[in-house]
Amino acid sequence: MELLALIAKAADACLKPWTHTVIPIDPSVPAILDDLNVRIECRDSYGKHCPDRDLELEIYRSGGDINLMLGWWNQSERPLLWQGRHPVWMHGVTGQRIDMPQGARQLEAFGRRLHSLLQSC
């Protein structure tokens, strides 16, 4: 399955009831697993874009491990999720480690699922 479609399908499965489209930040850069930066657009059940729910995802390889940085698009004050072997929540501005924010279970589930799927790619 194509990488962008795999990401969208994982977002749809974990972040219900929303549907998602994955768009490369820089379309001139090939969508490869080792270094990918995308925006994940969110739509409601009527197909209306919900920009306050859009996400930014960065995937990169460190040694043999796949790592993810997941946050809200253009909302730097909101927490970030780093997903490697385990999830780590960080303050969006300072980068300091924080507890999982309230209401973020679906986002963490998405990070775990995507990390697991990408390990086998």
Protein backbone atom coordinates (compact mmCIF):
# COMPACT_ATOMS: atom_id res chain seq x y z
CA MET A 1 0.00 0.00 0.00
CA GLU A 2 1.26 3.50 -0.79
CA LEU A 3 2.70 5.27 2.25
CA LEU A 4 0.34 8.27 2.19
CA ALA A 5 -2.71 6.02 1.86
CA LEU A 6 -1.44 3.87 4.74
CA ILE A 7 -1.19 6.97 6.97
CA ALA A 8 -4.70 8.15 6.00
CA LYS A 9 -6.19 4.71 6.64
CA ALA A 10 -4.56 4.53 10.10
CA ALA A 11 -5.86 8.03 10.93
CA ASP A 12 -9.37 7.07 9.80
CA ALA A 13 -9.28 3.95 11.98
CA CYS A 14 -8.01 5.69 15.14
CA LEU A 15 -9.48 9.18 14.91
CA LYS A 16 -13.15 8.37 14.31
CA PRO A 17 -15.58 9.69 13.24
CA TRP A 18 -13.35 11.88 11.05
CA THR A 19 -11.89 11.05 7.64
CA HIS A 20 -8.41 12.09 6.58
CA THR A 21 -6.33 13.03 3.57
CA VAL A 22 -2.53 13.11 3.70
CA ILE A 23 -0.74 15.90 1.83
CA PRO A 24 3.05 16.24 1.58
CA ILE A 25 4.33 19.56 3.00
CA ASP A 26 6.75 19.81 0.07
CA PRO A 27 5.30 17.98 -2.97
CA SER A 28 8.68 18.10 -4.72
CA VAL A 29 10.16 15.74 -2.10
CA PRO A 30 9.39 12.04 -2.69
CA ALA A 31 7.14 10.41 -0.07
CA ILE A 32 9.65 8.00 1.45
CA LEU A 33 9.60 6.47 4.90
CA ASP A 34 13.05 7.65 6.02
CA ASP A 35 12.18 11.34 5.94
CA LEU A 36 8.59 12.46 5.45
CA ASN A 37 6.72 15.57 6.56
CA VAL A 38 2.97 15.70 5.84
CA ARG A 39 -0.21 17.50 6.80
CA ILE A 40 -3.15 15.29 7.66
CA GLU A 41 -6.35 17.09 6.72
CA CYS A 42 -9.48 16.23 8.67
CA ARG A 43 -13.02 16.21 7.33
CA ASP A 44 -16.36 15.60 9.00
CA SER A 45 -18.97 13.08 7.82
CA TYR A 46 -20.31 15.65 5.33
CA GLY A 47 -16.88 16.20 3.76
CA LYS A 48 -16.41 19.65 5.33
CA HIS A 49 -12.79 20.48 6.11
CA CYS A 50 -12.15 20.93 9.86
CA PRO A 51 -8.83 22.85 9.93
CA ASP A 52 -8.66 22.99 13.74
CA ARG A 53 -8.34 19.17 13.71
CA ASP A 54 -5.62 19.01 11.01
CA LEU A 55 -2.38 17.35 12.09
CA GLU A 56 1.26 17.57 11.12
CA LEU A 57 3.28 14.37 10.98
CA GLU A 58 7.01 14.00 10.60
CA ILE A 59 8.45 10.52 10.10
CA TYR A 60 12.18 9.98 10.30
CA ARG A 61 14.63 7.17 10.81
CA SER A 62 17.20 7.25 13.61
CA GLY A 63 19.55 4.32 13.22
CA GLY A 64 17.29 1.36 12.53
CA ASP A 65 14.28 2.85 14.34
CA ILE A 66 11.31 4.71 12.89
CA ASN A 67 10.24 7.77 14.88
CA LEU A 68 7.17 9.98 14.56
CA MET A 69 6.49 13.57 15.62
CA LEU A 70 2.78 14.29 15.64
CA GLY A 71 1.15 17.62 16.43
CA TRP A 72 -1.66 19.90 15.41
CA TRP A 73 -1.19 21.86 12.17
CA ASN A 74 -0.33 25.54 12.79
CA GLN A 75 -1.05 25.21 16.52
CA SER A 76 2.43 25.26 18.03
CA GLU A 77 1.10 26.00 21.52
CA ARG A 78 -0.55 22.56 21.67
CA PRO A 79 1.37 19.48 22.86
CA LEU A 80 3.40 17.27 20.53
CA LEU A 81 3.59 13.50 20.56
CA TRP A 82 6.91 11.82 19.88
CA GLN A 83 6.35 8.14 19.11
CA GLY A 84 9.31 5.83 19.02
CA ARG A 85 9.49 2.66 21.06
CA HIS A 86 7.15 4.39 23.51
CA PRO A 87 5.07 7.59 23.42
CA VAL A 88 6.41 10.84 24.87
CA TRP A 89 4.27 13.97 25.12
CA MET A 90 6.04 17.33 24.92
CA HIS A 91 5.06 20.94 25.49
CA GLY A 92 4.58 22.47 22.02
CA VAL A 93 6.70 25.55 22.72
CA THR A 94 9.36 24.44 25.22
CA GLY A 95 9.73 20.81 24.16
CA GLN A 96 9.70 19.71 27.80
CA ARG A 97 8.14 16.39 28.66
CA ILE A 98 4.55 16.53 29.94
CA ASP A 99 1.80 14.10 30.89
CA MET A 100 -0.59 13.00 28.17
CA PRO A 101 -3.07 15.86 27.64
CA GLN A 102 -6.74 15.32 28.34
CA GLY A 103 -8.60 14.00 25.31
CA ALA A 104 -5.47 12.76 23.53
CA ARG A 105 -6.02 9.00 23.76
CA GLN A 106 -7.12 8.72 20.13
CA LEU A 107 -4.07 10.63 18.94
CA GLU A 108 -1.76 8.43 20.99
CA ALA A 109 -3.50 5.32 19.62
CA PHE A 110 -2.91 6.68 16.10
CA GLY A 111 0.78 7.23 16.87
CA ARG A 112 1.18 3.69 18.22
CA ARG A 113 -0.70 2.11 15.32
CA LEU A 114 1.19 4.06 12.69
CA HIS A 115 4.53 3.34 14.32
CA SER A 116 3.70 -0.36 14.38
CA LEU A 117 2.59 -0.37 10.73
CA LEU A 118 5.69 1.51 9.58
CA GLN A 119 8.09 -0.85 11.35
CA SER A 120 7.10 -3.54 8.87
CA CYS A 121 7.61 -1.31 5.78
